[in-house]
Amino acid sequence: MLYTVRPLEKIYAIPKTKKDIEKEEAERAEKTEYQEINLPNGRILTRRDGENNIICRVNSTDMSDYLNTDYSPGKAYKK
């Protein structure tokens, strides 16, 4: 008997080869649309997720941009 919180499909699944994983990542990267948005002191990188642009990365010379909750990674960017 196996006691676990993981789904049985994950436990008894056939492991993927390294080539399969790399192929899936390449396909996912090709489908993902990225956009750089300029800020007064830097820029943010967003990815398209349906109707929203989700913030992925902040690059700025102004330290207050990193503390600004509007630019938090994972949050939808509002223009």
PDB file of N, CA and C in Angstrom:
ATOM      1  N   MET A   1       0.852  -1.169   0.000  1.00  0.00           N
ATOM      2  CA  MET A   1       0.000   0.000   0.000  1.00  0.00           C
ATOM      3  C   MET A   1       0.899   1.233   0.000  1.00  0.00           C
ATOM      4  N   LEU A   2       0.500   2.241  -0.755  1.00  0.00           N
ATOM      5  CA  LEU A   2       1.297   3.454  -0.907  1.00  0.00           C
ATOM      6  C   LEU A   2       0.497   4.636  -0.386  1.00  0.00           C
ATOM      7  N   TYR A   3       1.030   5.318   0.623  1.00  0.00           N
ATOM      8  CA  TYR A   3       0.383   6.498   1.181  1.00  0.00           C
ATOM      9  C   TYR A   3       1.109   7.727   0.658  1.00  0.00           C
ATOM     10  N   THR A   4       0.413   8.524  -0.126  1.00  0.00           N
ATOM     11  CA  THR A   4       1.035   9.720  -0.697  1.00  0.00           C
ATOM     12  C   THR A   4      -0.034  10.731  -1.091  1.00  0.00           C
ATOM     13  N   VAL A   5       0.370  11.989  -1.160  1.00  0.00           N
ATOM     14  CA  VAL A   5      -0.559  13.035  -1.599  1.00  0.00           C
ATOM     15  C   VAL A   5      -0.388  13.313  -3.093  1.00  0.00           C
ATOM     16  N   ARG A   6       0.651  12.748  -3.679  1.00  0.00           N
ATOM     17  CA  ARG A   6       0.887  12.931  -5.108  1.00  0.00           C
ATOM     18  C   ARG A   6      -0.086  12.071  -5.900  1.00  0.00           C
ATOM     19  N   PRO A   7      -0.536  12.558  -7.049  1.00  0.00           N
ATOM     20  CA  PRO A   7      -1.432  11.743  -7.883  1.00  0.00           C
ATOM     21  C   PRO A   7      -0.714  10.484  -8.390  1.00  0.00           C
ATOM     22  N   LEU A   8      -1.440   9.402  -8.493  1.00  0.00           N
ATOM     23  CA  LEU A   8      -0.845   8.146  -8.943  1.00  0.00           C
ATOM     24  C   LEU A   8      -0.285   8.260 -10.357  1.00  0.00           C
ATOM     25  N   GLU A   9      -0.854   9.139 -11.193  1.00  0.00           N
ATOM     26  CA  GLU A   9      -0.349   9.328 -12.546  1.00  0.00           C
ATOM     27  C   GLU A   9       1.090   9.856 -12.528  1.00  0.00           C
ATOM     28  N   LYS A  10       1.409  10.676 -11.515  1.00  0.00           N
ATOM     29  CA  LYS A  10       2.770  11.208 -11.391  1.00  0.00           C
ATOM     30  C   LYS A  10       3.742  10.135 -10.906  1.00  0.00           C
ATOM     31  N   ILE A  11       3.280   9.266 -10.035  1.00  0.00           N
ATOM     32  CA  ILE A  11       4.153   8.251  -9.454  1.00  0.00           C
ATOM     33  C   ILE A  11       4.436   7.134 -10.448  1.00  0.00           C
ATOM     34  N   TYR A  12       3.405   6.685 -11.153  1.00  0.00           N
ATOM     35  CA  TYR A  12       3.558   5.552 -12.057  1.00  0.00           C
ATOM     36  C   TYR A  12       3.757   5.976 -13.509  1.00  0.00           C
ATOM     37  N   ALA A  13       4.004   7.226 -13.752  1.00  0.00           N
ATOM     38  CA  ALA A  13       4.212   7.703 -15.115  1.00  0.00           C
ATOM     39  C   ALA A  13       5.573   7.243 -15.635  1.00  0.00           C
ATOM     40  N   ILE A  14       5.642   7.078 -16.936  1.00  0.00           N
ATOM     41  CA  ILE A  14       6.908   6.712 -17.566  1.00  0.00           C
ATOM     42  C   ILE A  14       7.784   7.956 -17.588  1.00  0.00           C
ATOM     43  N   PRO A  15       9.004   7.866 -17.089  1.00  0.00           N
ATOM     44  CA  PRO A  15       9.857   9.055 -17.056  1.00  0.00           C
ATOM     45  C   PRO A  15      10.195   9.530 -18.471  1.00  0.00           C
ATOM     46  N   LYS A  16      10.260  10.843 -18.613  1.00  0.00           N
ATOM     47  CA  LYS A  16      10.580  11.431 -19.909  1.00  0.00           C
ATOM     48  C   LYS A  16      12.087  11.482 -20.081  1.00  0.00           C
ATOM     49  N   THR A  17      12.497  11.359 -21.307  1.00  0.00           N
ATOM     50  CA  THR A  17      13.923  11.467 -21.593  1.00  0.00           C
ATOM     51  C   THR A  17      14.311  12.944 -21.660  1.00  0.00           C
ATOM     52  N   LYS A  18      15.594  13.191 -21.617  1.00  0.00           N
ATOM     53  CA  LYS A  18      16.097  14.563 -21.669  1.00  0.00           C
ATOM     54  C   LYS A  18      15.709  15.231 -22.991  1.00  0.00           C
ATOM     55  N   LYS A  19      15.716  14.469 -24.075  1.00  0.00           N
ATOM     56  CA  LYS A  19      15.338  15.020 -25.387  1.00  0.00           C
ATOM     57  C   LYS A  19      13.879  15.441 -25.398  1.00  0.00           C
ATOM     58  N   ASP A  20      13.001  14.630 -24.784  1.00  0.00           N
ATOM     59  CA  ASP A  20      11.580  14.966 -24.728  1.00  0.00           C
ATOM     60  C   ASP A  20      11.351  16.255 -23.941  1.00  0.00           C
ATOM     61  N   ILE A  21      12.058  16.403 -22.832  1.00  0.00           N
ATOM     62  CA  ILE A  21      11.918  17.601 -21.994  1.00  0.00           C
ATOM     63  C   ILE A  21      12.409  18.827 -22.744  1.00  0.00           C
ATOM     64  N   GLU A  22      13.564  18.723 -23.414  1.00  0.00           N
ATOM     65  CA  GLU A  22      14.097  19.848 -24.175  1.00  0.00           C
ATOM     66  C   GLU A  22      13.169  20.235 -25.317  1.00  0.00           C
ATOM     67  N   LYS A  23      12.573  19.244 -25.967  1.00  0.00           N
ATOM     68  CA  LYS A  23      11.644  19.514 -27.070  1.00  0.00           C
ATOM     69  C   LYS A  23      10.411  20.258 -26.566  1.00  0.00           C
ATOM     70  N   GLU A  24       9.853  19.836 -25.434  1.00  0.00           N
ATOM     71  CA  GLU A  24       8.687  20.507 -24.866  1.00  0.00           C
ATOM     72  C   GLU A  24       9.006  21.945 -24.474  1.00  0.00           C
ATOM     73  N   GLU A  25      10.179  22.161 -23.871  1.00  0.00           N
ATOM     74  CA  GLU A  25      10.577  23.513 -23.476  1.00  0.00           C
ATOM     75  C   GLU A  25      10.762  24.412 -24.691  1.00  0.00           C
ATOM     76  N   ALA A  26      11.338  23.876 -25.769  1.00  0.00           N
ATOM     77  CA  ALA A  26      11.531  24.659 -26.992  1.00  0.00           C
ATOM     78  C   ALA A  26      10.189  25.028 -27.613  1.00  0.00           C
ATOM     79  N   GLU A  27       9.246  24.098 -27.637  1.00  0.00           N
ATOM     80  CA  GLU A  27       7.916  24.379 -28.184  1.00  0.00           C
ATOM     81  C   GLU A  27       7.200  25.439 -27.353  1.00  0.00           C
ATOM     82  N   ARG A  28       7.330  25.347 -26.025  1.00  0.00           N
ATOM     83  CA  ARG A  28       6.695  26.310 -25.138  1.00  0.00           C
ATOM     84  C   ARG A  28       7.305  27.696 -25.326  1.00  0.00           C
ATOM     85  N   ALA A  29       8.622  27.756 -25.507  1.00  0.00           N
ATOM     86  CA  ALA A  29       9.305  29.039 -25.701  1.00  0.00           C
ATOM     87  C   ALA A  29       8.921  29.670 -27.027  1.00  0.00           C
ATOM     88  N   GLU A  30       8.696  28.862 -28.063  1.00  0.00           N
ATOM     89  CA  GLU A  30       8.292  29.400 -29.362  1.00  0.00           C
ATOM     90  C   GLU A  30       6.897  30.005 -29.310  1.00  0.00           C
ATOM     91  N   LYS A  31       6.008  29.427 -28.524  1.00  0.00           N
ATOM     92  CA  LYS A  31       4.630  29.893 -28.448  1.00  0.00           C
ATOM     93  C   LYS A  31       4.478  31.124 -27.560  1.00  0.00           C
ATOM     94  N   THR A  32       5.405  31.342 -26.633  1.00  0.00           N
ATOM     95  CA  THR A  32       5.304  32.434 -25.681  1.00  0.00           C
ATOM     96  C   THR A  32       5.740  33.748 -26.333  1.00  0.00           C
ATOM     97  N   GLU A  33       4.904  34.767 -26.203  1.00  0.00           N
ATOM     98  CA  GLU A  33       5.223  36.091 -26.728  1.00  0.00           C
ATOM     99  C   GLU A  33       5.722  36.965 -25.587  1.00  0.00           C
ATOM    100  N   TYR A  34       6.911  37.524 -25.761  1.00  0.00           N
ATOM    101  CA  TYR A  34       7.488  38.415 -24.769  1.00  0.00           C
ATOM    102  C   TYR A  34       7.487  39.843 -25.309  1.00  0.00           C
ATOM    103  N   GLN A  35       7.386  40.804 -24.390  1.00  0.00           N
ATOM    104  CA  GLN A  35       7.391  42.211 -24.772  1.00  0.00           C
ATOM    105  C   GLN A  35       8.145  42.999 -23.699  1.00  0.00           C
ATOM    106  N   GLU A  36       9.034  43.885 -24.141  1.00  0.00           N
ATOM    107  CA  GLU A  36       9.730  44.771 -23.213  1.00  0.00           C
ATOM    108  C   GLU A  36       8.998  46.104 -23.183  1.00  0.00           C
ATOM    109  N   ILE A  37       8.751  46.587 -21.976  1.00  0.00           N
ATOM    110  CA  ILE A  37       8.058  47.867 -21.785  1.00  0.00           C
ATOM    111  C   ILE A  37       9.016  48.808 -21.082  1.00  0.00           C
ATOM    112  N   ASN A  38       9.217  49.971 -21.677  1.00  0.00           N
ATOM    113  CA  ASN A  38      10.155  50.943 -21.116  1.00  0.00           C
ATOM    114  C   ASN A  38       9.527  51.695 -19.952  1.00  0.00           C
ATOM    115  N   LEU A  39      10.329  51.875 -18.919  1.00  0.00           N
ATOM    116  CA  LEU A  39       9.973  52.685 -17.759  1.00  0.00           C
ATOM    117  C   LEU A  39      10.851  53.935 -17.802  1.00  0.00           C
ATOM    118  N   PRO A  40      10.578  54.933 -16.975  1.00  0.00           N
ATOM    119  CA  PRO A  40      11.441  56.121 -16.976  1.00  0.00           C
ATOM    120  C   PRO A  40      12.913  55.807 -16.664  1.00  0.00           C
ATOM    121  N   ASN A  41      13.180  54.807 -15.823  1.00  0.00           N
ATOM    122  CA  ASN A  41      14.560  54.502 -15.431  1.00  0.00           C
ATOM    123  C   ASN A  41      14.987  53.086 -15.785  1.00  0.00           C
ATOM    124  N   GLY A  42      14.262  52.399 -16.633  1.00  0.00           N
ATOM    125  CA  GLY A  42      14.616  51.026 -16.983  1.00  0.00           C
ATOM    126  C   GLY A  42      13.543  50.407 -17.850  1.00  0.00           C
ATOM    127  N   ARG A  43      13.323  49.107 -17.641  1.00  0.00           N
ATOM    128  CA  ARG A  43      12.306  48.409 -18.425  1.00  0.00           C
ATOM    129  C   ARG A  43      11.837  47.166 -17.681  1.00  0.00           C
ATOM    130  N   ILE A  44      10.684  46.655 -18.096  1.00  0.00           N
ATOM    131  CA  ILE A  44      10.177  45.398 -17.562  1.00  0.00           C
ATOM    132  C   ILE A  44       9.923  44.455 -18.732  1.00  0.00           C
ATOM    133  N   LEU A  45      10.082  43.166 -18.487  1.00  0.00           N
ATOM    134  CA  LEU A  45       9.822  42.139 -19.478  1.00  0.00           C
ATOM    135  C   LEU A  45       8.510  41.466 -19.115  1.00  0.00           C
ATOM    136  N   THR A  46       7.592  41.407 -20.075  1.00  0.00           N
ATOM    137  CA  THR A  46       6.294  40.777 -19.843  1.00  0.00           C
ATOM    138  C   THR A  46       6.097  39.649 -20.846  1.00  0.00           C
ATOM    139  N   ARG A  47       5.261  38.692 -20.459  1.00  0.00           N
ATOM    140  CA  ARG A  47       4.881  37.624 -21.379  1.00  0.00           C
ATOM    141  C   ARG A  47       3.375  37.651 -21.547  1.00  0.00           C
ATOM    142  N   ARG A  48       2.932  37.295 -22.715  1.00  0.00           N
ATOM    143  CA  ARG A  48       1.514  37.302 -23.043  1.00  0.00           C
ATOM    144  C   ARG A  48       0.849  36.077 -22.439  1.00  0.00           C
ATOM    145  N   ASP A  49      -0.250  36.286 -21.710  1.00  0.00           N
ATOM    146  CA  ASP A  49      -1.019  35.198 -21.122  1.00  0.00           C
ATOM    147  C   ASP A  49      -2.492  35.509 -21.347  1.00  0.00           C
ATOM    148  N   GLY A  50      -3.020  35.058 -22.472  1.00  0.00           N
ATOM    149  CA  GLY A  50      -4.406  35.376 -22.820  1.00  0.00           C
ATOM    150  C   GLY A  50      -4.534  36.845 -23.150  1.00  0.00           C
ATOM    151  N   GLU A  51      -5.372  37.545 -22.417  1.00  0.00           N
ATOM    152  CA  GLU A  51      -5.573  38.978 -22.623  1.00  0.00           C
ATOM    153  C   GLU A  51      -4.587  39.825 -21.832  1.00  0.00           C
ATOM    154  N   ASN A  52      -3.869  39.220 -20.886  1.00  0.00           N
ATOM    155  CA  ASN A  52      -3.003  39.962 -19.970  1.00  0.00           C
ATOM    156  C   ASN A  52      -1.536  39.860 -20.356  1.00  0.00           C
ATOM    157  N   ASN A  53      -0.758  40.841 -19.914  1.00  0.00           N
ATOM    158  CA  ASN A  53       0.693  40.787 -19.958  1.00  0.00           C
ATOM    159  C   ASN A  53       1.165  40.568 -18.526  1.00  0.00           C
ATOM    160  N   ILE A  54       1.848  39.453 -18.279  1.00  0.00           N
ATOM    161  CA  ILE A  54       2.335  39.102 -16.952  1.00  0.00           C
ATOM    162  C   ILE A  54       3.800  39.526 -16.846  1.00  0.00           C
ATOM    163  N   ILE A  55       4.136  40.227 -15.776  1.00  0.00           N
ATOM    164  CA  ILE A  55       5.492  40.716 -15.585  1.00  0.00           C
ATOM    165  C   ILE A  55       6.411  39.548 -15.234  1.00  0.00           C
ATOM    166  N   CYS A  56       7.527  39.439 -15.963  1.00  0.00           N
ATOM    167  CA  CYS A  56       8.520  38.380 -15.722  1.00  0.00           C
ATOM    168  C   CYS A  56       9.765  38.921 -15.047  1.00  0.00           C
ATOM    169  N   ARG A  57      10.215  40.118 -15.451  1.00  0.00           N
ATOM    170  CA  ARG A  57      11.501  40.617 -14.976  1.00  0.00           C
ATOM    171  C   ARG A  57      11.478  42.144 -14.940  1.00  0.00           C
ATOM    172  N   VAL A  58      12.174  42.703 -13.954  1.00  0.00           N
ATOM    173  CA  VAL A  58      12.335  44.150 -13.831  1.00  0.00           C
ATOM    174  C   VAL A  58      13.817  44.473 -13.961  1.00  0.00           C
ATOM    175  N   ASN A  59      14.152  45.391 -14.867  1.00  0.00           N
ATOM    176  CA  ASN A  59      15.524  45.896 -15.019  1.00  0.00           C
ATOM    177  C   ASN A  59      15.449  47.404 -14.911  1.00  0.00           C
ATOM    178  N   SER A  60      16.005  47.958 -13.842  1.00  0.00           N
ATOM    179  CA  SER A  60      15.913  49.388 -13.622  1.00  0.00           C
ATOM    180  C   SER A  60      17.112  49.888 -12.835  1.00  0.00           C
ATOM    181  N   THR A  61      17.444  51.161 -13.042  1.00  0.00           N
ATOM    182  CA  THR A  61      18.498  51.794 -12.246  1.00  0.00           C
ATOM    183  C   THR A  61      17.925  52.476 -11.017  1.00  0.00           C
ATOM    184  N   ASP A  62      16.608  52.574 -10.935  1.00  0.00           N
ATOM    185  CA  ASP A  62      15.932  53.187  -9.794  1.00  0.00           C
ATOM    186  C   ASP A  62      15.464  52.080  -8.846  1.00  0.00           C
ATOM    187  N   MET A  63      16.009  52.054  -7.651  1.00  0.00           N
ATOM    188  CA  MET A  63      15.688  50.991  -6.698  1.00  0.00           C
ATOM    189  C   MET A  63      14.222  51.006  -6.275  1.00  0.00           C
ATOM    190  N   SER A  64      13.563  52.131  -6.356  1.00  0.00           N
ATOM    191  CA  SER A  64      12.153  52.179  -5.967  1.00  0.00           C
ATOM    192  C   SER A  64      11.273  51.406  -6.954  1.00  0.00           C
ATOM    193  N   ASP A  65      11.740  51.195  -8.196  1.00  0.00           N
ATOM    194  CA  ASP A  65      10.981  50.376  -9.147  1.00  0.00           C
ATOM    195  C   ASP A  65      10.873  48.935  -8.669  1.00  0.00           C
ATOM    196  N   TYR A  66      11.919  48.431  -8.014  1.00  0.00           N
ATOM    197  CA  TYR A  66      11.888  47.058  -7.509  1.00  0.00           C
ATOM    198  C   TYR A  66      10.925  46.910  -6.333  1.00  0.00           C
ATOM    199  N   LEU A  67      10.697  47.983  -5.587  1.00  0.00           N
ATOM    200  CA  LEU A  67       9.782  47.952  -4.444  1.00  0.00           C
ATOM    201  C   LEU A  67       8.350  48.305  -4.831  1.00  0.00           C
ATOM    202  N   ASN A  68       8.167  48.801  -6.034  1.00  0.00           N
ATOM    203  CA  ASN A  68       6.840  49.180  -6.514  1.00  0.00           C
ATOM    204  C   ASN A  68       6.015  47.914  -6.753  1.00  0.00           C
ATOM    205  N   THR A  69       4.868  47.809  -6.091  1.00  0.00           N
ATOM    206  CA  THR A  69       4.040  46.605  -6.223  1.00  0.00           C
ATOM    207  C   THR A  69       3.407  46.489  -7.608  1.00  0.00           C
ATOM    208  N   ASP A  70       3.331  47.576  -8.361  1.00  0.00           N
ATOM    209  CA  ASP A  70       2.796  47.512  -9.722  1.00  0.00           C
ATOM    210  C   ASP A  70       3.722  46.750 -10.655  1.00  0.00           C
ATOM    211  N   TYR A  71       5.003  46.632 -10.317  1.00  0.00           N
ATOM    212  CA  TYR A  71       5.990  45.963 -11.152  1.00  0.00           C
ATOM    213  C   TYR A  71       6.420  44.619 -10.579  1.00  0.00           C
ATOM    214  N   SER A  72       5.642  44.035  -9.690  1.00  0.00           N
ATOM    215  CA  SER A  72       6.007  42.756  -9.067  1.00  0.00           C
ATOM    216  C   SER A  72       5.923  41.628 -10.102  1.00  0.00           C
ATOM    217  N   PRO A  73       6.952  40.774 -10.203  1.00  0.00           N
ATOM    218  CA  PRO A  73       6.889  39.629 -11.114  1.00  0.00           C
ATOM    219  C   PRO A  73       5.706  38.727 -10.786  1.00  0.00           C
ATOM    220  N   GLY A  74       5.026  38.282 -11.841  1.00  0.00           N
ATOM    221  CA  GLY A  74       3.849  37.441 -11.674  1.00  0.00           C
ATOM    222  C   GLY A  74       2.557  38.219 -11.690  1.00  0.00           C
ATOM    223  N   LYS A  75       2.643  39.526 -11.606  1.00  0.00           N
ATOM    224  CA  LYS A  75       1.451  40.368 -11.584  1.00  0.00           C
ATOM    225  C   LYS A  75       1.127  40.829 -13.006  1.00  0.00           C
ATOM    226  N   ALA A  76      -0.144  41.018 -13.294  1.00  0.00           N
ATOM    227  CA  ALA A  76      -0.564  41.513 -14.599  1.00  0.00           C
ATOM    228  C   ALA A  76      -0.180  42.988 -14.723  1.00  0.00           C
ATOM    229  N   TYR A  77       0.404  43.343 -15.857  1.00  0.00           N
ATOM    230  CA  TYR A  77       0.841  44.726 -16.085  1.00  0.00           C
ATOM    231  C   TYR A  77      -0.330  45.543 -16.598  1.00  0.00           C
ATOM    232  N   LYS A  78      -0.552  46.694 -15.958  1.00  0.00           N
ATOM    233  CA  LYS A  78      -1.606  47.617 -16.388  1.00  0.00           C
ATOM    234  C   LYS A  78      -0.947  48.835 -16.986  1.00  0.00           C
ATOM    235  N   LYS A  79      -1.317  49.161 -18.214  1.00  0.00           N
ATOM    236  CA  LYS A  79      -0.730  50.318 -18.888  1.00  0.00           C
ATOM    237  C   LYS A  79      -1.307  51.611 -18.376  1.00  0.00           C
TER     238      LYS A  79
END
